Amino acid sequence: MAAGSGVALGEVEASTLERAREDLRRQGLVVVEIRPVGSRARAGARRVEGARAIRAGEENPRGARSGAWRRVRGEVYGELSLLLGSGMGLDSALDSVVGVARKREHREVLETLARSVREGRTLAEGVRELKGWFPPVHSAMLQVGEESGTLPDALLKLNEQEERSARMRQQVMSALTYPVILLGAGTLMLAGIVGFVVPRFAVIFEDMQVKPPWFSRVVIEACLSAGRWGPVGLGAL
């Protein structure tokens, strides 16, 4: 199993491919790909290798938290809405949108969803099985859309919701960029003053044998102490 991805590779024994698929499903797995590779010594037993599956019960797969997956999810909703609105069947539309995903892991999620629909599940049920990849509210909205005959509208609303969330995240990041730059520049300037400017003034006063005012002495001593303590002293200052 790839660490944190929720995708497993393995082998199972079963008399038929359908029996192997059913055994995996009872273990809480959604089969992505399964193929036979020969026979065992026992009569009728078949060895199934390369059964790639996405664990349906996994709550937080790593790839589901990425911004790339959220963008893919939004694009999939939008394209499905257009395709269904134009009269295309759901299973064909799902097969068509798999190409939206560039990462293999994301394509496997979409392929699993398409296969689930071809096996007779509704779109909401397929999404619900992949709950780590789709929020519960999405499956609820899709179920309402399917029951009311307005699935394209429900998909369009989900697309708009994903786009709004993406814009909001981008605005937050943009709003934080300027303060972070100012903080970094200010820290560098303070480090330069403490490490170079103030110590030079201290040497000048000492060479001139002039006693600086009390406030200057406090500042010089504080900066020299901060310089001796390094980053800890700079943070305290």
Protein backbone atom coordinates (compact mmCIF):
# COMPACT_ATOMS: atom_id res chain seq x y z
CA MET A 1 0.00 0.00 0.00
CA ALA A 2 1.38 3.42 -0.88
CA ALA A 3 1.89 5.35 2.36
CA GLY A 4 -1.06 7.63 3.05
CA SER A 5 -2.47 7.35 -0.46
CA GLY A 6 -5.22 4.79 0.29
CA VAL A 7 -4.29 2.73 -2.81
CA ALA A 8 -3.36 -0.92 -2.24
CA LEU A 9 -1.75 -3.51 -4.52
CA GLY A 10 -2.13 -7.18 -3.69
CA GLU A 11 -3.19 -10.72 -4.58
CA VAL A 12 -6.31 -12.67 -3.69
CA GLU A 13 -7.51 -16.19 -4.43
CA ALA A 14 -10.97 -16.76 -5.88
CA SER A 15 -12.75 -19.08 -8.28
CA THR A 16 -13.81 -16.20 -10.55
CA LEU A 17 -13.04 -12.55 -11.04
CA GLU A 18 -16.49 -11.62 -9.77
CA ARG A 19 -15.92 -13.64 -6.59
CA ALA A 20 -12.57 -11.91 -6.10
CA ARG A 21 -14.19 -8.50 -6.58
CA GLU A 22 -16.93 -9.39 -4.09
CA ASP A 23 -14.38 -10.62 -1.50
CA LEU A 24 -12.46 -7.36 -1.77
CA ARG A 25 -15.66 -5.33 -1.44
CA ARG A 26 -16.56 -7.17 1.77
CA GLN A 27 -13.17 -6.11 3.15
CA GLY A 28 -14.10 -2.46 2.66
CA LEU A 29 -12.25 -2.01 -0.63
CA VAL A 30 -13.43 -0.51 -3.89
CA VAL A 31 -11.75 -2.38 -6.76
CA VAL A 32 -10.03 -0.24 -9.38
CA GLU A 33 -8.41 -2.97 -11.49
CA ILE A 34 -8.36 -6.75 -11.25
CA ARG A 35 -6.96 -9.37 -13.61
CA PRO A 36 -6.25 -13.15 -13.56
CA VAL A 37 -2.71 -14.51 -13.80
CA GLY A 38 -3.08 -18.29 -13.88
CA SER A 39 -4.18 -21.14 -11.66
CA ARG A 40 -3.19 -22.67 -8.33
CA ALA A 41 -2.69 -26.36 -7.62
CA ARG A 42 -6.21 -26.54 -6.19
CA ALA A 43 -8.84 -27.18 -8.86
CA GLY A 44 -10.74 -24.15 -9.98
CA ALA A 45 -8.74 -21.72 -7.83
CA ARG A 46 -7.55 -18.62 -9.63
CA ARG A 47 -4.91 -16.20 -8.57
CA VAL A 48 -5.75 -12.56 -9.02
CA GLU A 49 -2.77 -10.27 -9.15
CA GLY A 50 -2.50 -6.53 -9.35
CA ALA A 51 -5.86 -5.89 -7.73
CA ARG A 52 -5.51 -2.20 -7.20
CA ALA A 53 -8.11 -0.83 -4.85
CA ILE A 54 -8.95 2.32 -3.04
CA ARG A 55 -9.92 1.76 0.56
CA ALA A 56 -13.43 3.17 0.78
CA GLY A 57 -13.43 3.59 4.55
CA GLU A 58 -10.29 5.70 4.77
CA GLU A 59 -11.26 9.06 6.20
CA ASN A 60 -8.30 11.25 5.21
CA PRO A 61 -6.16 9.99 2.33
CA ARG A 62 -3.21 12.29 1.75
CA GLY A 63 -4.04 13.15 -1.85
CA ALA A 64 -7.60 14.19 -0.95
CA ARG A 65 -6.31 17.15 1.05
CA SER A 66 -4.32 18.68 -1.80
CA GLY A 67 -5.35 21.76 -3.71
CA ALA A 68 -4.74 19.85 -6.95
CA TRP A 69 -7.46 17.33 -6.09
CA ARG A 70 -9.91 20.07 -5.13
CA ARG A 71 -9.32 21.72 -8.52
CA VAL A 72 -9.82 18.40 -10.30
CA ARG A 73 -13.00 17.76 -8.33
CA GLY A 74 -14.42 21.15 -9.30
CA GLU A 75 -13.58 20.64 -12.97
CA VAL A 76 -15.16 17.18 -12.91
CA TYR A 77 -18.38 18.57 -11.46
CA GLY A 78 -18.51 21.30 -14.10
CA GLU A 79 -17.85 18.97 -17.03
CA LEU A 80 -20.30 16.36 -15.78
CA SER A 81 -22.97 19.06 -15.53
CA LEU A 82 -22.38 20.11 -19.14
CA LEU A 83 -22.26 16.55 -20.48
CA LEU A 84 -25.39 15.41 -18.64
CA GLY A 85 -27.19 18.58 -19.68
CA SER A 86 -26.39 17.78 -23.31
CA GLY A 87 -28.02 14.35 -23.00
CA MET A 88 -25.01 12.08 -22.47
CA GLY A 89 -25.44 9.11 -20.14
CA LEU A 90 -23.86 9.23 -16.69
CA ASP A 91 -21.50 6.29 -17.21
CA SER A 92 -20.23 7.68 -20.52
CA ALA A 93 -19.85 11.15 -19.00
CA LEU A 94 -17.78 9.75 -16.12
CA ASP A 95 -15.52 7.91 -18.57
CA SER A 96 -15.06 11.17 -20.46
CA VAL A 97 -13.98 13.25 -17.44
CA VAL A 98 -11.30 10.83 -16.21
CA GLY A 99 -8.83 12.67 -18.43
CA VAL A 100 -9.28 15.83 -16.35
CA ALA A 101 -6.97 14.33 -13.71
CA ARG A 102 -3.26 14.44 -14.47
CA LYS A 103 -2.06 12.55 -11.40
CA ARG A 104 -2.38 8.79 -11.44
CA GLU A 105 -3.92 8.72 -7.97
CA HIS A 106 -6.64 11.16 -8.98
CA ARG A 107 -7.37 9.22 -12.18
CA GLU A 108 -7.77 6.04 -10.14
CA VAL A 109 -10.34 7.76 -7.94
CA LEU A 110 -12.35 8.87 -10.97
CA GLU A 111 -12.02 5.46 -12.61
CA THR A 112 -13.28 3.84 -9.41
CA LEU A 113 -16.26 6.19 -9.39
CA ALA A 114 -17.05 5.42 -13.05
CA ARG A 115 -16.79 1.68 -12.42
CA SER A 116 -19.05 1.95 -9.41
CA VAL A 117 -21.75 3.63 -11.52
CA ARG A 118 -21.40 0.99 -14.24
CA GLU A 119 -21.96 -1.68 -11.59
CA GLY A 120 -25.37 -0.19 -10.83
CA ARG A 121 -24.75 2.34 -8.07
CA THR A 122 -25.97 5.89 -8.24
CA LEU A 123 -23.46 8.73 -8.46
CA ALA A 124 -24.21 9.71 -4.87
CA GLU A 125 -23.55 6.16 -3.68
CA GLY A 126 -20.28 5.99 -5.59
CA VAL A 127 -19.17 9.31 -4.13
CA ARG A 128 -20.22 8.20 -0.65
CA GLU A 129 -18.01 5.12 -0.91
CA LEU A 130 -15.08 7.42 -1.61
CA LYS A 131 -15.88 9.61 1.38
CA GLY A 132 -12.23 10.40 2.01
CA TRP A 133 -12.11 12.04 -1.41
CA PHE A 134 -15.55 13.67 -1.42
CA PRO A 135 -17.12 15.59 1.50
CA PRO A 136 -20.39 14.15 2.86
CA VAL A 137 -22.26 17.28 1.83
CA HIS A 138 -21.36 16.56 -1.80
CA SER A 139 -22.91 13.10 -1.75
CA ALA A 140 -26.00 14.56 -0.04
CA MET A 141 -26.41 17.23 -2.74
CA LEU A 142 -25.92 14.66 -5.49
CA GLN A 143 -28.52 12.38 -3.93
CA VAL A 144 -31.04 15.21 -3.81
CA GLY A 145 -30.25 16.03 -7.44
CA GLU A 146 -30.71 12.42 -8.53
CA GLU A 147 -33.97 11.99 -6.65
CA SER A 148 -35.41 15.24 -7.97
CA GLY A 149 -34.17 14.81 -11.53
CA THR A 150 -31.92 17.88 -11.31
CA LEU A 151 -28.50 16.21 -11.20
CA PRO A 152 -26.89 18.62 -13.74
CA ASP A 153 -27.97 21.57 -11.58
CA ALA A 154 -26.61 19.92 -8.43
CA LEU A 155 -23.28 19.29 -10.17
CA LEU A 156 -23.16 22.89 -11.35
CA LYS A 157 -23.74 24.14 -7.80
CA LEU A 158 -20.91 21.93 -6.54
CA ASN A 159 -18.66 23.28 -9.29
CA GLU A 160 -19.47 26.86 -8.27
CA GLN A 161 -18.88 25.98 -4.62
CA GLU A 162 -15.44 24.53 -5.38
CA GLU A 163 -14.53 27.59 -7.45
CA ARG A 164 -15.60 29.96 -4.65
CA SER A 165 -13.54 27.99 -2.14
CA ALA A 166 -10.51 28.14 -4.45
CA ARG A 167 -10.90 31.91 -4.90
CA MET A 168 -11.22 32.41 -1.15
CA ARG A 169 -8.07 30.39 -0.45
CA GLN A 170 -6.22 32.40 -3.09
CA GLN A 171 -7.40 35.69 -1.59
CA VAL A 172 -6.29 34.61 1.89
CA MET A 173 -2.87 33.62 0.59
CA SER A 174 -2.56 36.91 -1.28
CA ALA A 175 -3.58 38.88 1.81
CA LEU A 176 -0.95 37.09 3.90
CA THR A 177 1.87 37.51 1.39
CA TYR A 178 2.50 41.24 1.98
CA PRO A 179 2.63 41.02 5.82
CA VAL A 180 4.98 38.05 5.58
CA ILE A 181 7.29 39.98 3.25
CA LEU A 182 7.25 42.98 5.61
CA LEU A 183 7.97 40.75 8.59
CA GLY A 184 10.90 39.11 6.81
CA ALA A 185 12.34 42.44 5.66
CA GLY A 186 11.93 43.93 9.12
CA THR A 187 13.66 40.95 10.71
CA LEU A 188 16.60 41.25 8.32
CA MET A 189 16.90 44.98 8.99
CA LEU A 190 16.79 44.45 12.75
CA ALA A 191 19.42 41.73 12.48
CA GLY A 192 21.65 44.08 10.48
CA ILE A 193 21.27 46.88 13.04
CA VAL A 194 21.94 44.57 15.98
CA GLY A 195 24.78 42.67 14.34
CA PHE A 196 26.65 45.44 12.50
CA VAL A 197 25.47 49.03 13.04
CA VAL A 198 25.21 49.23 16.84
CA PRO A 199 28.50 47.37 17.52
CA ARG A 200 30.31 49.86 15.24
CA PHE A 201 28.90 52.79 17.22
CA ALA A 202 30.07 51.10 20.42
CA VAL A 203 33.61 50.88 19.00
CA ILE A 204 33.49 54.53 17.90
CA PHE A 205 32.45 55.72 21.38
CA GLU A 206 35.16 53.58 22.94
CA ASP A 207 37.88 54.89 20.58
CA MET A 208 36.84 58.48 21.23
CA GLN A 209 36.75 57.77 24.96
CA VAL A 210 33.35 59.41 25.09
CA LYS A 211 30.70 58.21 27.49
CA PRO A 212 27.42 57.90 25.56
CA PRO A 213 24.10 59.05 27.05
CA TRP A 214 22.34 56.57 29.31
CA PHE A 215 19.74 55.68 26.70
CA SER A 216 22.44 54.96 24.10
CA ARG A 217 24.26 52.79 26.63
CA VAL A 218 21.08 50.79 27.24
CA VAL A 219 20.53 50.30 23.49
CA ILE A 220 24.15 49.33 22.87
CA GLU A 221 24.20 46.85 25.73
CA ALA A 222 20.89 45.32 24.68
CA CYS A 223 22.08 44.90 21.08
CA LEU A 224 25.42 43.43 22.12
CA SER A 225 23.65 40.94 24.40
CA ALA A 226 21.22 40.01 21.63
CA GLY A 227 24.16 39.49 19.26
CA ARG A 228 25.84 37.16 21.75
CA TRP A 229 22.65 35.07 22.14
CA GLY A 230 22.03 34.85 18.38
CA PRO A 231 18.46 34.26 17.09
CA VAL A 232 17.14 33.80 20.66
CA GLY A 233 18.43 37.19 21.69
CA LEU A 234 17.12 38.79 18.49
CA GLY A 235 13.68 37.35 19.14
CA ALA A 236 13.72 38.65 22.72
CA LEU A 237 14.75 42.08 21.50
